[in-house]
Amino acid sequence: MAAGQETVLDEYAFLVSETDSKGIISFANDDFCKIAEYNLEELMGQPHNMVRHPDMPKKAFKSLWDSVQKGEIWTGYVKNATKSGGYYWVFATVYPFESCDGSKGYLSCRRRASEDEIKASEELYRKWKLEEK
């Protein structure tokens, strides 16, 4: 895949990843690995923000972290980067959880975002990025 090229998820793609409380990847399913262009070994133990696209405003992730750290479920549209420098859009749902051993973490499930959802998100995120400057 060429740098800057969009990968469009098919309608059945379901990307799943799990992190610890600090955002370090402890699991990623095959769909996530395929779309992000990493193998599981490359992802394990790495910060989840390794797939963050630079177009994403800080405000979007502040909302995510504020929600999940309070134990709330977060949903939103995310533009992620691929290993080759491309990108893909998803509708993400992030669930905070506590394991039997008392450790906390986050489970993120993502599906394809529609063209209309992406267009609306791009406009909002462009505005937020301008506010950051």
N, C-alpha and C. Protein backbone atom coordinates (compact mmCIF):
# COMPACT_ATOMS: atom_id res chain seq x y z
N MET A 1 0.86 -1.18 0.00
CA MET A 1 0.00 0.00 0.00
C MET A 1 0.90 1.24 0.00
N ALA A 2 0.53 2.21 -0.79
CA ALA A 2 1.33 3.43 -0.91
C ALA A 2 1.06 4.39 0.24
N ALA A 3 2.09 5.17 0.57
CA ALA A 3 1.94 6.18 1.62
C ALA A 3 0.83 7.16 1.25
N GLY A 4 0.02 7.49 2.24
CA GLY A 4 -1.07 8.44 2.02
C GLY A 4 -2.33 7.84 1.43
N GLN A 5 -2.29 6.55 1.12
CA GLN A 5 -3.45 5.90 0.50
C GLN A 5 -4.42 5.38 1.56
N GLU A 6 -5.72 5.57 1.28
CA GLU A 6 -6.74 5.11 2.21
C GLU A 6 -7.03 3.63 2.02
N THR A 7 -7.15 2.92 3.13
CA THR A 7 -7.64 1.56 3.14
C THR A 7 -9.09 1.62 3.61
N VAL A 8 -10.01 1.13 2.81
CA VAL A 8 -11.43 1.13 3.18
C VAL A 8 -11.76 -0.26 3.71
N LEU A 9 -12.25 -0.31 4.92
CA LEU A 9 -12.63 -1.59 5.51
C LEU A 9 -13.82 -2.17 4.78
N ASP A 10 -13.86 -3.50 4.67
CA ASP A 10 -15.07 -4.08 4.09
C ASP A 10 -16.15 -4.10 5.16
N GLU A 11 -17.38 -4.35 4.74
CA GLU A 11 -18.50 -4.22 5.68
C GLU A 11 -18.47 -5.25 6.80
N TYR A 12 -17.69 -6.31 6.66
CA TYR A 12 -17.64 -7.35 7.69
C TYR A 12 -16.41 -7.23 8.59
N ALA A 13 -15.52 -6.29 8.30
CA ALA A 13 -14.31 -6.13 9.11
C ALA A 13 -14.71 -5.69 10.52
N PHE A 14 -14.07 -6.29 11.51
CA PHE A 14 -14.33 -5.96 12.91
C PHE A 14 -12.98 -5.98 13.62
N LEU A 15 -12.42 -4.80 13.85
CA LEU A 15 -11.09 -4.68 14.42
C LEU A 15 -11.20 -4.64 15.94
N VAL A 16 -10.42 -5.49 16.60
CA VAL A 16 -10.46 -5.57 18.06
C VAL A 16 -9.04 -5.49 18.60
N SER A 17 -8.86 -4.67 19.62
CA SER A 17 -7.59 -4.64 20.33
C SER A 17 -7.86 -4.42 21.81
N GLU A 18 -6.90 -4.82 22.60
CA GLU A 18 -7.00 -4.66 24.06
C GLU A 18 -5.70 -4.05 24.55
N THR A 19 -5.82 -3.13 25.50
CA THR A 19 -4.63 -2.53 26.10
C THR A 19 -4.72 -2.59 27.61
N ASP A 20 -3.59 -2.36 28.23
CA ASP A 20 -3.60 -2.20 29.68
C ASP A 20 -4.05 -0.77 30.00
N SER A 21 -4.01 -0.40 31.26
CA SER A 21 -4.52 0.92 31.68
C SER A 21 -3.69 2.08 31.14
N LYS A 22 -2.47 1.79 30.67
CA LYS A 22 -1.61 2.84 30.12
C LYS A 22 -1.65 2.89 28.59
N GLY A 23 -2.51 2.05 27.98
CA GLY A 23 -2.64 2.07 26.52
C GLY A 23 -1.64 1.20 25.79
N ILE A 24 -1.02 0.24 26.49
CA ILE A 24 -0.05 -0.67 25.88
C ILE A 24 -0.81 -1.90 25.35
N ILE A 25 -0.60 -2.24 24.10
CA ILE A 25 -1.34 -3.32 23.44
C ILE A 25 -1.01 -4.68 24.04
N SER A 26 -2.08 -5.41 24.41
CA SER A 26 -1.92 -6.77 24.94
C SER A 26 -2.64 -7.80 24.06
N PHE A 27 -3.43 -7.32 23.09
CA PHE A 27 -4.12 -8.22 22.16
C PHE A 27 -4.54 -7.42 20.93
N ALA A 28 -4.50 -8.06 19.77
CA ALA A 28 -5.05 -7.49 18.54
C ALA A 28 -5.52 -8.65 17.68
N ASN A 29 -6.73 -8.53 17.12
CA ASN A 29 -7.23 -9.62 16.28
C ASN A 29 -6.67 -9.52 14.86
N ASP A 30 -6.95 -10.54 14.06
CA ASP A 30 -6.42 -10.61 12.70
C ASP A 30 -6.85 -9.42 11.84
N ASP A 31 -8.12 -8.99 11.96
CA ASP A 31 -8.59 -7.85 11.17
C ASP A 31 -7.79 -6.59 11.50
N PHE A 32 -7.53 -6.35 12.78
CA PHE A 32 -6.76 -5.17 13.17
C PHE A 32 -5.35 -5.25 12.57
N CYS A 33 -4.71 -6.38 12.71
CA CYS A 33 -3.35 -6.55 12.18
C CYS A 33 -3.33 -6.33 10.67
N LYS A 34 -4.29 -6.91 9.98
CA LYS A 34 -4.33 -6.80 8.52
C LYS A 34 -4.50 -5.35 8.07
N ILE A 35 -5.47 -4.65 8.64
CA ILE A 35 -5.76 -3.28 8.22
C ILE A 35 -4.63 -2.33 8.61
N ALA A 36 -4.07 -2.49 9.81
CA ALA A 36 -2.98 -1.62 10.28
C ALA A 36 -1.64 -1.98 9.65
N GLU A 37 -1.57 -3.17 9.02
CA GLU A 37 -0.37 -3.65 8.32
C GLU A 37 0.77 -4.04 9.26
N TYR A 38 0.43 -4.47 10.46
CA TYR A 38 1.42 -4.96 11.41
C TYR A 38 1.10 -6.41 11.72
N ASN A 39 2.12 -7.21 12.06
CA ASN A 39 1.80 -8.53 12.59
C ASN A 39 1.65 -8.41 14.10
N LEU A 40 1.08 -9.42 14.70
CA LEU A 40 0.78 -9.37 16.13
C LEU A 40 2.03 -9.11 16.97
N GLU A 41 3.14 -9.72 16.60
CA GLU A 41 4.38 -9.54 17.36
C GLU A 41 4.85 -8.09 17.35
N GLU A 42 4.63 -7.38 16.24
CA GLU A 42 5.02 -5.97 16.16
C GLU A 42 4.15 -5.08 17.04
N LEU A 43 2.90 -5.48 17.26
CA LEU A 43 1.96 -4.68 18.05
C LEU A 43 2.06 -4.92 19.55
N MET A 44 2.28 -6.17 19.93
CA MET A 44 2.28 -6.53 21.35
C MET A 44 3.33 -5.74 22.12
N GLY A 45 2.87 -5.15 23.24
CA GLY A 45 3.77 -4.40 24.11
C GLY A 45 4.04 -2.98 23.66
N GLN A 46 3.43 -2.57 22.55
CA GLN A 46 3.63 -1.22 22.03
C GLN A 46 2.47 -0.31 22.44
N PRO A 47 2.69 1.00 22.51
CA PRO A 47 1.58 1.91 22.81
C PRO A 47 0.59 1.93 21.65
N HIS A 48 -0.69 1.91 21.98
CA HIS A 48 -1.73 1.87 20.95
C HIS A 48 -1.66 3.09 20.05
N ASN A 49 -1.11 4.18 20.56
CA ASN A 49 -1.05 5.39 19.73
C ASN A 49 -0.04 5.26 18.58
N MET A 50 0.60 4.12 18.44
CA MET A 50 1.48 3.89 17.28
C MET A 50 0.68 3.91 15.98
N VAL A 51 -0.64 3.72 16.05
CA VAL A 51 -1.48 3.78 14.85
C VAL A 51 -2.25 5.10 14.77
N ARG A 52 -1.94 6.04 15.64
CA ARG A 52 -2.63 7.34 15.61
C ARG A 52 -2.18 8.13 14.39
N HIS A 53 -3.14 8.63 13.66
CA HIS A 53 -2.82 9.45 12.49
C HIS A 53 -2.61 10.90 12.94
N PRO A 54 -1.64 11.62 12.35
CA PRO A 54 -1.39 13.00 12.78
C PRO A 54 -2.56 13.96 12.53
N ASP A 55 -3.52 13.58 11.68
CA ASP A 55 -4.70 14.43 11.46
C ASP A 55 -5.66 14.43 12.65
N MET A 56 -5.49 13.46 13.55
CA MET A 56 -6.40 13.37 14.69
C MET A 56 -6.09 14.45 15.72
N PRO A 57 -7.11 15.24 16.09
CA PRO A 57 -6.89 16.30 17.08
C PRO A 57 -6.75 15.74 18.49
N LYS A 58 -5.97 16.44 19.31
CA LYS A 58 -5.79 16.04 20.71
C LYS A 58 -7.12 15.99 21.45
N LYS A 59 -8.02 16.89 21.09
CA LYS A 59 -9.32 16.99 21.76
C LYS A 59 -10.12 15.67 21.66
N ALA A 60 -10.00 14.99 20.53
CA ALA A 60 -10.72 13.71 20.34
C ALA A 60 -10.22 12.66 21.33
N PHE A 61 -8.90 12.59 21.50
CA PHE A 61 -8.36 11.58 22.41
C PHE A 61 -8.51 11.99 23.87
N LYS A 62 -8.56 13.28 24.14
CA LYS A 62 -8.85 13.73 25.50
C LYS A 62 -10.23 13.25 25.90
N SER A 63 -11.20 13.38 24.99
CA SER A 63 -12.56 12.91 25.24
C SER A 63 -12.56 11.40 25.52
N LEU A 64 -11.83 10.65 24.71
CA LEU A 64 -11.75 9.20 24.90
C LEU A 64 -11.18 8.88 26.28
N TRP A 65 -10.01 9.43 26.61
CA TRP A 65 -9.37 9.11 27.89
C TRP A 65 -10.18 9.59 29.08
N ASP A 66 -10.77 10.78 28.98
CA ASP A 66 -11.61 11.28 30.08
C ASP A 66 -12.76 10.31 30.36
N SER A 67 -13.36 9.79 29.30
CA SER A 67 -14.50 8.87 29.45
C SER A 67 -14.08 7.54 30.05
N VAL A 68 -13.11 6.88 29.42
CA VAL A 68 -12.77 5.52 29.87
C VAL A 68 -12.11 5.51 31.25
N GLN A 69 -11.38 6.56 31.59
CA GLN A 69 -10.77 6.60 32.92
C GLN A 69 -11.81 6.78 34.03
N LYS A 70 -13.01 7.28 33.65
CA LYS A 70 -14.11 7.36 34.61
C LYS A 70 -14.95 6.08 34.59
N GLY A 71 -14.55 5.10 33.80
CA GLY A 71 -15.28 3.85 33.72
C GLY A 71 -16.43 3.88 32.71
N GLU A 72 -16.46 4.91 31.87
CA GLU A 72 -17.54 5.05 30.88
C GLU A 72 -17.10 4.51 29.51
N ILE A 73 -18.05 4.05 28.73
CA ILE A 73 -17.80 3.59 27.37
C ILE A 73 -17.71 4.82 26.47
N TRP A 74 -16.75 4.82 25.55
CA TRP A 74 -16.57 5.93 24.61
C TRP A 74 -16.82 5.43 23.19
N THR A 75 -17.47 6.24 22.39
CA THR A 75 -17.62 5.94 20.97
C THR A 75 -17.22 7.17 20.17
N GLY A 76 -16.66 6.94 18.99
CA GLY A 76 -16.29 8.05 18.14
C GLY A 76 -15.63 7.56 16.86
N TYR A 77 -15.36 8.51 15.99
CA TYR A 77 -14.74 8.22 14.70
C TYR A 77 -13.25 8.52 14.79
N VAL A 78 -12.45 7.59 14.28
CA VAL A 78 -11.01 7.71 14.40
C VAL A 78 -10.35 7.44 13.06
N LYS A 79 -9.40 8.31 12.72
CA LYS A 79 -8.55 8.10 11.56
C LYS A 79 -7.23 7.55 12.09
N ASN A 80 -6.91 6.33 11.69
CA ASN A 80 -5.68 5.68 12.13
C ASN A 80 -4.70 5.58 10.98
N ALA A 81 -3.42 5.48 11.33
CA ALA A 81 -2.36 5.34 10.34
C ALA A 81 -2.00 3.87 10.16
N THR A 82 -1.62 3.52 8.93
CA THR A 82 -1.12 2.17 8.65
C THR A 82 0.41 2.20 8.70
N LYS A 83 0.99 1.03 8.77
CA LYS A 83 2.45 0.92 8.84
C LYS A 83 3.12 1.56 7.63
N SER A 84 2.49 1.47 6.45
CA SER A 84 3.10 1.99 5.22
C SER A 84 2.86 3.48 5.01
N GLY A 85 2.17 4.14 5.97
CA GLY A 85 1.93 5.56 5.84
C GLY A 85 0.57 5.91 5.27
N GLY A 86 -0.26 4.91 5.06
CA GLY A 86 -1.63 5.14 4.63
C GLY A 86 -2.51 5.40 5.84
N TYR A 87 -3.81 5.28 5.63
CA TYR A 87 -4.74 5.52 6.74
C TYR A 87 -6.04 4.76 6.51
N TYR A 88 -6.81 4.66 7.59
CA TYR A 88 -8.14 4.06 7.53
C TYR A 88 -9.01 4.70 8.60
N TRP A 89 -10.29 4.83 8.28
CA TRP A 89 -11.27 5.41 9.22
C TRP A 89 -12.09 4.29 9.84
N VAL A 90 -12.41 4.46 11.13
CA VAL A 90 -13.26 3.50 11.83
C VAL A 90 -14.23 4.22 12.76
N PHE A 91 -15.32 3.54 13.07
CA PHE A 91 -16.18 3.94 14.18
C PHE A 91 -15.75 3.05 15.32
N ALA A 92 -15.28 3.65 16.40
CA ALA A 92 -14.70 2.90 17.52
C ALA A 92 -15.58 2.97 18.76
N THR A 93 -15.61 1.86 19.48
CA THR A 93 -16.23 1.80 20.80
C THR A 93 -15.17 1.26 21.74
N VAL A 94 -14.88 2.01 22.79
CA VAL A 94 -13.85 1.62 23.75
C VAL A 94 -14.51 1.34 25.09
N TYR A 95 -14.26 0.13 25.59
CA TYR A 95 -14.86 -0.34 26.84
C TYR A 95 -13.79 -0.47 27.92
N PRO A 96 -13.94 0.23 29.04
CA PRO A 96 -13.02 -0.02 30.16
C PRO A 96 -13.43 -1.32 30.85
N PHE A 97 -12.44 -2.05 31.38
CA PHE A 97 -12.77 -3.29 32.09
C PHE A 97 -11.78 -3.52 33.21
N GLU A 98 -12.18 -4.40 34.11
CA GLU A 98 -11.28 -4.84 35.19
C GLU A 98 -11.23 -6.35 35.15
N SER A 99 -10.01 -6.90 35.09
CA SER A 99 -9.83 -8.35 35.04
C SER A 99 -10.02 -8.97 36.42
N CYS A 100 -10.12 -10.28 36.44
CA CYS A 100 -10.28 -11.01 37.70
C CYS A 100 -9.14 -10.73 38.68
N ASP A 101 -7.94 -10.47 38.14
CA ASP A 101 -6.79 -10.20 39.01
C ASP A 101 -6.72 -8.75 39.48
N GLY A 102 -7.74 -7.94 39.09
CA GLY A 102 -7.79 -6.55 39.53
C GLY A 102 -7.14 -5.56 38.58
N SER A 103 -6.45 -6.08 37.55
CA SER A 103 -5.84 -5.15 36.59
C SER A 103 -6.91 -4.54 35.69
N LYS A 104 -6.66 -3.31 35.28
CA LYS A 104 -7.62 -2.60 34.44
C LYS A 104 -7.07 -2.46 33.04
N GLY A 105 -7.99 -2.32 32.09
CA GLY A 105 -7.58 -2.15 30.71
C GLY A 105 -8.73 -1.65 29.87
N TYR A 106 -8.50 -1.65 28.56
CA TYR A 106 -9.49 -1.15 27.62
C TYR A 106 -9.60 -2.07 26.42
N LEU A 107 -10.83 -2.33 26.02
CA LEU A 107 -11.12 -3.14 24.85
C LEU A 107 -11.70 -2.20 23.80
N SER A 108 -11.10 -2.19 22.62
CA SER A 108 -11.57 -1.32 21.54
C SER A 108 -12.08 -2.19 20.39
N CYS A 109 -13.31 -1.93 19.98
CA CYS A 109 -13.94 -2.64 18.87
C CYS A 109 -14.28 -1.61 17.80
N ARG A 110 -13.90 -1.91 16.55
CA ARG A 110 -14.09 -0.93 15.49
C ARG A 110 -14.69 -1.56 14.25
N ARG A 111 -15.53 -0.76 13.58
CA ARG A 111 -16.14 -1.17 12.33
C ARG A 111 -15.92 -0.07 11.30
N ARG A 112 -16.28 -0.36 10.08
CA ARG A 112 -16.14 0.63 9.01
C ARG A 112 -17.04 1.83 9.28
N ALA A 113 -16.52 3.02 9.04
CA ALA A 113 -17.31 4.25 9.11
C ALA A 113 -17.83 4.54 7.71
N SER A 114 -19.03 5.08 7.63
CA SER A 114 -19.62 5.40 6.33
C SER A 114 -18.96 6.66 5.75
N GLU A 115 -19.15 6.88 4.46
CA GLU A 115 -18.59 8.07 3.82
C GLU A 115 -19.13 9.35 4.46
N ASP A 116 -20.42 9.37 4.79
CA ASP A 116 -21.01 10.55 5.43
C ASP A 116 -20.42 10.77 6.82
N GLU A 117 -20.22 9.69 7.59
CA GLU A 117 -19.64 9.80 8.93
C GLU A 117 -18.21 10.32 8.84
N ILE A 118 -17.47 9.84 7.86
CA ILE A 118 -16.08 10.27 7.68
C ILE A 118 -16.03 11.75 7.30
N LYS A 119 -16.89 12.15 6.37
CA LYS A 119 -16.91 13.54 5.92
C LYS A 119 -17.21 14.48 7.08
N ALA A 120 -18.20 14.14 7.89
CA ALA A 120 -18.56 14.97 9.05
C ALA A 120 -17.40 15.02 10.05
N SER A 121 -16.75 13.89 10.28
CA SER A 121 -15.63 13.82 11.23
C SER A 121 -14.44 14.63 10.72
N GLU A 122 -14.16 14.54 9.42
CA GLU A 122 -13.05 15.30 8.85
C GLU A 122 -13.25 16.80 9.06
N GLU A 123 -14.46 17.27 8.83
CA GLU A 123 -14.76 18.70 9.01
C GLU A 123 -14.57 19.12 10.46
N LEU A 124 -15.13 18.34 11.39
CA LEU A 124 -15.01 18.64 12.81
C LEU A 124 -13.54 18.59 13.25
N TYR A 125 -12.83 17.56 12.85
CA TYR A 125 -11.44 17.40 13.29
C TYR A 125 -10.54 18.47 12.70
N ARG A 126 -10.81 18.91 11.48
CA ARG A 126 -10.05 20.01 10.88
C ARG A 126 -10.21 21.28 11.73
N LYS A 127 -11.44 21.53 12.15
CA LYS A 127 -11.73 22.69 13.01
C LYS A 127 -10.98 22.56 14.34
N TRP A 128 -11.04 21.39 14.95
CA TRP A 128 -10.35 21.18 16.23
C TRP A 128 -8.84 21.34 16.08
N LYS A 129 -8.27 20.84 14.97
CA LYS A 129 -6.83 20.96 14.74
C LYS A 129 -6.43 22.43 14.63
N LEU A 130 -7.27 23.24 13.99
CA LEU A 130 -7.00 24.67 13.87
C LEU A 130 -7.01 25.34 15.23
N GLU A 131 -7.89 24.90 16.11
CA GLU A 131 -7.98 25.45 17.47
C GLU A 131 -6.72 25.13 18.28
N GLU A 132 -6.03 24.02 17.92
CA GLU A 132 -4.82 23.61 18.64
C GLU A 132 -3.64 24.53 18.34
N LYS A 133 -3.68 25.19 17.20
CA LYS A 133 -2.53 26.01 16.76
C LYS A 133 -2.47 27.33 17.47
